[in-house]
Amino acid sequence: MSKIYYKSLDEIELIRESSLLVSKTLAEVAKIIGPGVTTNQLDKLAYEFINDNGAIPAFLNYNGFPNSLCISPNEQVVHGFPSDYVIKEGDLISVDCGVIKNNYFGDSAYTFSIGEVDAEKQKLIEVTKRCLELGIEKAVVGMRTGDIGFAVQQHAEDNGFGVVRELVGHGVGVKLHEKPEVPNYGKRGSGPKLEEGMVIAIEPMINAGVAGIMFHKDGWTVTSKDNKPSAHFEHTVAIKKGQADVLSTFSLIEKVLQQKK
């Protein structure tokens, strides 16, 4: 599919509604995530919450994916299957969620640190989140996808981390994955020009070690090549003049995490 779907203001509001439901789902995950909980339990919670809110999990049965959430512990980069894996103290757990509501898609991801994590993991979380913020700053009319990628890559590599290249952000809204691709690396001034009406998912996937990854035989799971931890943060963003309009939010998740402390 080579076409970019430009969204009307009304469509962007529907995508915002879907994106906020994703954020609310991740906040529900935040309530129960912790040592002793299985990733299957998180997936079941998300499935029920999304359905209770009149929506459909966007990942469930997408190209055969069997779950509502992608849950990727530690060295898993993305697309991990929920399982009987028991979450433990010191884990990094990346949770990616998408929903379809009123025929429009929202998509967001958050990496949770479980209890006390080591200094490398803590730095990885902070840098990856900042990479997302820096990418969003470039998601305005007149910039190009390469400007977003450059901002993400520069901050990650300045901190000694590897930027995953084989997996990229993307247009979103009418479908789960649309054009344009939004790489987390690139040259300033390169790539498709950003215009009003475009809605994109910006999603840095940053490895604590090398940038290289491995695709597993299950056709989905991706891990870092050196088995070092990876982090993943994602927002759905509408391109505007002057400042991007971020349609998903982390504030609901972080309010829950703050209350649990």
Protein backbone atom coordinates (compact mmCIF):
# COMPACT_ATOMS: atom_id res chain seq x y z
CA MET A 1 0.00 0.00 0.00
CA SER A 2 1.65 3.22 -1.13
CA LYS A 3 -1.13 5.70 -0.41
CA ILE A 4 -1.00 8.16 2.50
CA TYR A 5 -4.42 8.63 4.11
CA TYR A 6 -5.02 12.27 5.04
CA LYS A 7 -7.53 12.60 7.88
CA SER A 8 -10.17 15.27 8.41
CA LEU A 9 -10.47 17.04 11.78
CA ASP A 10 -13.45 14.82 12.60
CA GLU A 11 -11.47 11.69 11.78
CA ILE A 12 -8.57 12.88 13.95
CA GLU A 13 -11.01 13.23 16.88
CA LEU A 14 -12.14 9.63 16.34
CA ILE A 15 -8.52 8.49 16.24
CA ARG A 16 -7.95 10.47 19.46
CA GLU A 17 -10.83 8.56 21.08
CA SER A 18 -9.25 5.24 20.05
CA SER A 19 -5.80 6.38 21.18
CA LEU A 20 -7.09 7.48 24.59
CA LEU A 21 -8.73 4.08 25.01
CA VAL A 22 -5.32 2.53 24.36
CA SER A 23 -3.87 4.82 27.05
CA LYS A 24 -6.65 3.84 29.47
CA THR A 25 -5.99 0.15 28.73
CA LEU A 26 -2.28 0.59 29.48
CA ALA A 27 -3.26 2.36 32.72
CA GLU A 28 -5.35 -0.73 33.65
CA VAL A 29 -2.26 -2.86 32.93
CA ALA A 30 -0.25 -0.52 35.18
CA LYS A 31 -2.62 -1.27 38.07
CA ILE A 32 -1.78 -4.98 38.20
CA ILE A 33 1.67 -5.29 36.60
CA GLY A 34 4.28 -6.42 39.10
CA PRO A 35 6.22 -9.38 40.47
CA GLY A 36 4.25 -12.64 40.43
CA VAL A 37 1.85 -11.58 37.66
CA THR A 38 1.97 -13.47 34.34
CA THR A 39 1.94 -11.67 31.01
CA ASN A 40 -1.13 -13.76 30.11
CA GLN A 41 -2.99 -12.08 32.99
CA LEU A 42 -2.17 -8.65 31.53
CA ASP A 43 -3.43 -9.75 28.12
CA LYS A 44 -6.72 -11.08 29.53
CA LEU A 45 -7.29 -7.84 31.42
CA ALA A 46 -6.69 -5.78 28.28
CA TYR A 47 -8.99 -7.93 26.15
CA GLU A 48 -11.85 -7.55 28.62
CA PHE A 49 -11.30 -3.82 29.19
CA ILE A 50 -11.18 -3.01 25.46
CA ASN A 51 -14.34 -5.01 24.79
CA ASP A 52 -16.13 -3.47 27.78
CA ASN A 53 -15.44 -0.07 26.23
CA GLY A 54 -17.10 -0.89 22.93
CA ALA A 55 -13.90 -1.48 20.99
CA ILE A 56 -11.91 -4.33 19.47
CA PRO A 57 -8.26 -5.22 20.21
CA ALA A 58 -6.48 -4.20 17.00
CA PHE A 59 -3.68 -6.77 17.35
CA LEU A 60 -5.89 -9.80 17.98
CA ASN A 61 -5.80 -11.98 14.83
CA TYR A 62 -3.85 -9.28 12.94
CA ASN A 63 -1.90 -11.39 10.41
CA GLY A 64 -2.52 -14.30 12.77
CA PHE A 65 -1.25 -12.65 15.99
CA PRO A 66 -3.05 -14.54 18.78
CA ASN A 67 -3.30 -11.88 21.50
CA SER A 68 -4.61 -8.42 22.37
CA LEU A 69 -1.26 -7.09 23.62
CA CYS A 70 2.33 -7.47 22.49
CA ILE A 71 4.30 -8.00 25.72
CA SER A 72 8.07 -8.06 25.44
CA PRO A 73 10.19 -8.66 28.58
CA ASN A 74 13.81 -7.53 28.88
CA GLU A 75 15.78 -8.51 25.74
CA GLN A 76 12.58 -8.86 23.67
CA VAL A 77 12.27 -5.76 21.51
CA VAL A 78 8.67 -6.04 20.26
CA HIS A 79 5.89 -8.47 19.25
CA GLY A 80 6.34 -10.80 22.22
CA PHE A 81 3.50 -13.24 22.92
CA PRO A 82 1.77 -13.04 26.30
CA SER A 83 2.49 -16.32 28.09
CA ASP A 84 2.88 -17.99 31.48
CA TYR A 85 6.03 -15.88 32.00
CA VAL A 86 5.98 -14.68 35.61
CA ILE A 87 7.09 -11.06 35.90
CA LYS A 88 9.85 -10.53 38.44
CA GLU A 89 11.59 -7.69 40.23
CA GLY A 90 14.12 -5.94 37.98
CA ASP A 91 12.34 -6.76 34.69
CA LEU A 92 11.64 -4.33 31.90
CA ILE A 93 8.25 -5.14 30.35
CA SER A 94 7.33 -3.42 27.08
CA VAL A 95 3.57 -3.43 26.45
CA ASP A 96 2.22 -2.43 23.02
CA CYS A 97 -1.53 -1.98 22.56
CA GLY A 98 -3.85 -1.07 19.70
CA VAL A 99 -7.62 -0.72 19.49
CA ILE A 100 -10.28 -0.24 16.83
CA LYS A 101 -13.16 1.97 17.90
CA ASN A 102 -15.72 3.47 15.51
CA ASN A 103 -13.59 1.93 12.70
CA TYR A 104 -10.50 4.00 13.63
CA PHE A 105 -7.22 2.78 15.09
CA GLY A 106 -5.16 3.98 18.04
CA ASP A 107 -1.70 2.63 18.90
CA SER A 108 0.64 3.24 21.85
CA ALA A 109 3.34 1.44 23.83
CA TYR A 110 4.95 1.84 27.24
CA THR A 111 7.90 0.11 28.89
CA PHE A 112 7.37 -0.63 32.58
CA SER A 113 10.26 -1.02 35.02
CA ILE A 114 9.34 -3.57 37.68
CA GLY A 115 10.43 -2.59 41.17
CA GLU A 116 14.09 -1.67 41.45
CA VAL A 117 15.89 -2.01 38.11
CA ASP A 118 19.63 -1.68 37.55
CA ALA A 119 21.23 1.58 36.41
CA GLU A 120 21.55 0.48 32.77
CA LYS A 121 17.85 -0.37 32.51
CA GLN A 122 16.83 2.85 34.24
CA LYS A 123 18.94 4.90 31.85
CA LEU A 124 17.56 2.96 28.88
CA ILE A 125 13.97 3.76 29.94
CA GLU A 126 14.73 7.46 30.39
CA VAL A 127 16.65 7.79 27.11
CA THR A 128 14.05 5.91 25.04
CA LYS A 129 11.24 8.05 26.45
CA ARG A 130 13.23 11.19 25.71
CA CYS A 131 13.88 9.90 22.17
CA LEU A 132 10.10 9.76 21.68
CA GLU A 133 9.69 13.32 22.97
CA LEU A 134 12.44 14.60 20.65
CA GLY A 135 10.87 12.78 17.70
CA ILE A 136 7.48 14.31 18.47
CA GLU A 137 9.03 17.79 18.51
CA LYS A 138 9.88 17.28 14.83
CA ALA A 139 6.42 15.95 13.90
CA VAL A 140 5.14 19.24 12.50
CA VAL A 141 4.09 20.53 9.08
CA GLY A 142 7.07 21.10 6.79
CA MET A 143 9.43 18.65 8.49
CA ARG A 144 10.22 15.23 7.05
CA THR A 145 10.27 11.72 8.47
CA GLY A 146 14.08 11.86 8.38
CA ASP A 147 13.98 14.78 10.84
CA ILE A 148 12.11 12.59 13.33
CA GLY A 149 14.49 9.68 12.78
CA PHE A 150 17.56 11.88 13.12
CA ALA A 151 16.35 13.32 16.45
CA VAL A 152 15.68 9.83 17.86
CA GLN A 153 18.93 8.33 16.58
CA GLN A 154 21.14 11.18 17.76
CA HIS A 155 19.87 11.07 21.35
CA ALA A 156 20.03 7.26 21.59
CA GLU A 157 23.52 6.98 20.12
CA ASP A 158 24.82 9.93 22.15
CA ASN A 159 23.92 7.81 25.18
CA GLY A 160 25.68 4.72 23.84
CA PHE A 161 22.55 2.80 22.87
CA GLY A 162 21.61 0.98 19.65
CA VAL A 163 18.72 2.07 17.42
CA VAL A 164 16.70 -0.78 15.89
CA ARG A 165 16.51 -0.24 12.12
CA GLU A 166 14.47 -3.17 10.84
CA LEU A 167 11.28 -2.04 12.63
CA VAL A 168 9.78 1.41 12.17
CA GLY A 169 6.91 3.72 13.10
CA HIS A 170 4.10 4.21 10.60
CA GLY A 171 0.99 6.02 9.53
CA VAL A 172 -2.07 4.95 11.52
CA GLY A 173 -5.80 5.62 11.82
CA VAL A 174 -7.75 4.13 8.93
CA LYS A 175 -5.59 1.00 9.13
CA LEU A 176 -3.19 -0.22 11.80
CA HIS A 177 -0.18 0.23 9.51
CA GLU A 178 -0.24 2.87 6.78
CA LYS A 179 2.26 4.92 4.87
CA PRO A 180 4.54 6.70 5.54
CA GLU A 181 7.10 4.61 7.36
CA VAL A 182 8.68 6.54 10.25
CA PRO A 183 12.18 5.14 10.93
CA ASN A 184 13.98 5.85 14.21
CA TYR A 185 17.14 6.80 12.32
CA GLY A 186 17.77 9.00 9.32
CA LYS A 187 19.10 12.18 7.80
CA ARG A 188 17.61 15.59 8.41
CA GLY A 189 15.59 16.83 5.44
CA SER A 190 15.07 13.33 3.99
CA GLY A 191 11.98 11.17 3.63
CA PRO A 192 8.32 12.05 3.02
CA LYS A 193 7.26 15.58 3.92
CA LEU A 194 4.92 15.91 6.91
CA GLU A 195 1.60 17.59 6.11
CA GLU A 196 -1.57 18.49 7.97
CA GLY A 197 -3.99 15.56 8.07
CA MET A 198 -1.27 12.95 8.49
CA VAL A 199 -1.44 10.79 11.63
CA ILE A 200 1.62 8.73 12.52
CA ALA A 201 2.81 6.37 15.23
CA ILE A 202 6.26 7.38 16.44
CA GLU A 203 7.85 4.47 18.32
CA PRO A 204 11.53 4.39 19.26
CA MET A 205 12.81 0.87 19.88
CA ILE A 206 16.17 1.26 21.57
CA ASN A 207 18.60 -1.46 22.67
CA ALA A 208 20.98 -1.14 25.63
CA GLY A 209 23.68 -2.80 23.53
CA VAL A 210 24.06 -3.28 19.79
CA ALA A 211 21.39 -2.18 17.31
CA GLY A 212 21.10 -5.66 15.77
CA ILE A 213 18.06 -7.85 16.34
CA MET A 214 16.98 -11.45 15.80
CA PHE A 215 13.64 -12.61 14.39
CA HIS A 216 12.43 -15.80 16.03
CA LYS A 217 10.92 -18.86 14.36
CA ASP A 218 7.45 -18.11 15.73
CA GLY A 219 7.29 -15.36 13.09
CA TRP A 220 6.71 -12.58 15.64
CA THR A 221 9.11 -12.37 18.58
CA VAL A 222 12.06 -10.03 18.09
CA THR A 223 15.01 -9.92 20.51
CA SER A 224 18.20 -7.90 20.72
CA LYS A 225 21.12 -9.69 19.07
CA ASP A 226 23.30 -9.52 22.20
CA ASN A 227 20.40 -10.31 24.58
CA LYS A 228 20.75 -6.96 26.31
CA PRO A 229 17.56 -5.18 27.38
CA SER A 230 15.44 -3.17 24.98
CA ALA A 231 12.82 -0.43 25.55
CA HIS A 232 9.89 0.76 23.44
CA PHE A 233 7.68 3.85 23.80
CA GLU A 234 5.05 4.88 21.26
CA HIS A 235 2.50 7.65 20.74
CA THR A 236 -0.09 8.25 18.02
CA VAL A 237 0.49 11.79 16.74
CA ALA A 238 -1.43 14.11 14.39
CA ILE A 239 0.75 16.43 12.30
CA LYS A 240 -0.04 20.10 12.89
CA LYS A 241 1.61 23.45 12.27
CA GLY A 242 3.99 24.56 15.00
CA GLN A 243 3.41 21.70 17.44
CA ALA A 244 2.35 18.07 17.09
CA ASP A 245 -1.01 16.98 18.51
CA VAL A 246 -0.30 13.88 20.61
CA LEU A 247 -3.47 11.77 20.58
CA SER A 248 -2.41 9.14 23.14
CA THR A 249 -1.12 9.95 26.63
CA PHE A 250 1.19 8.47 29.27
CA SER A 251 -0.27 10.63 32.06
CA LEU A 252 -2.95 8.04 32.96
CA ILE A 253 -0.33 5.28 33.22
CA GLU A 254 2.08 7.37 35.27
CA LYS A 255 -0.64 8.52 37.66
CA VAL A 256 -1.33 4.85 38.46
CA LEU A 257 2.37 4.06 38.86
CA GLN A 258 2.80 7.06 41.18
CA GLN A 259 -0.11 5.89 43.33
CA LYS A 260 1.43 2.39 43.62
CA LYS A 261 4.70 3.72 45.03
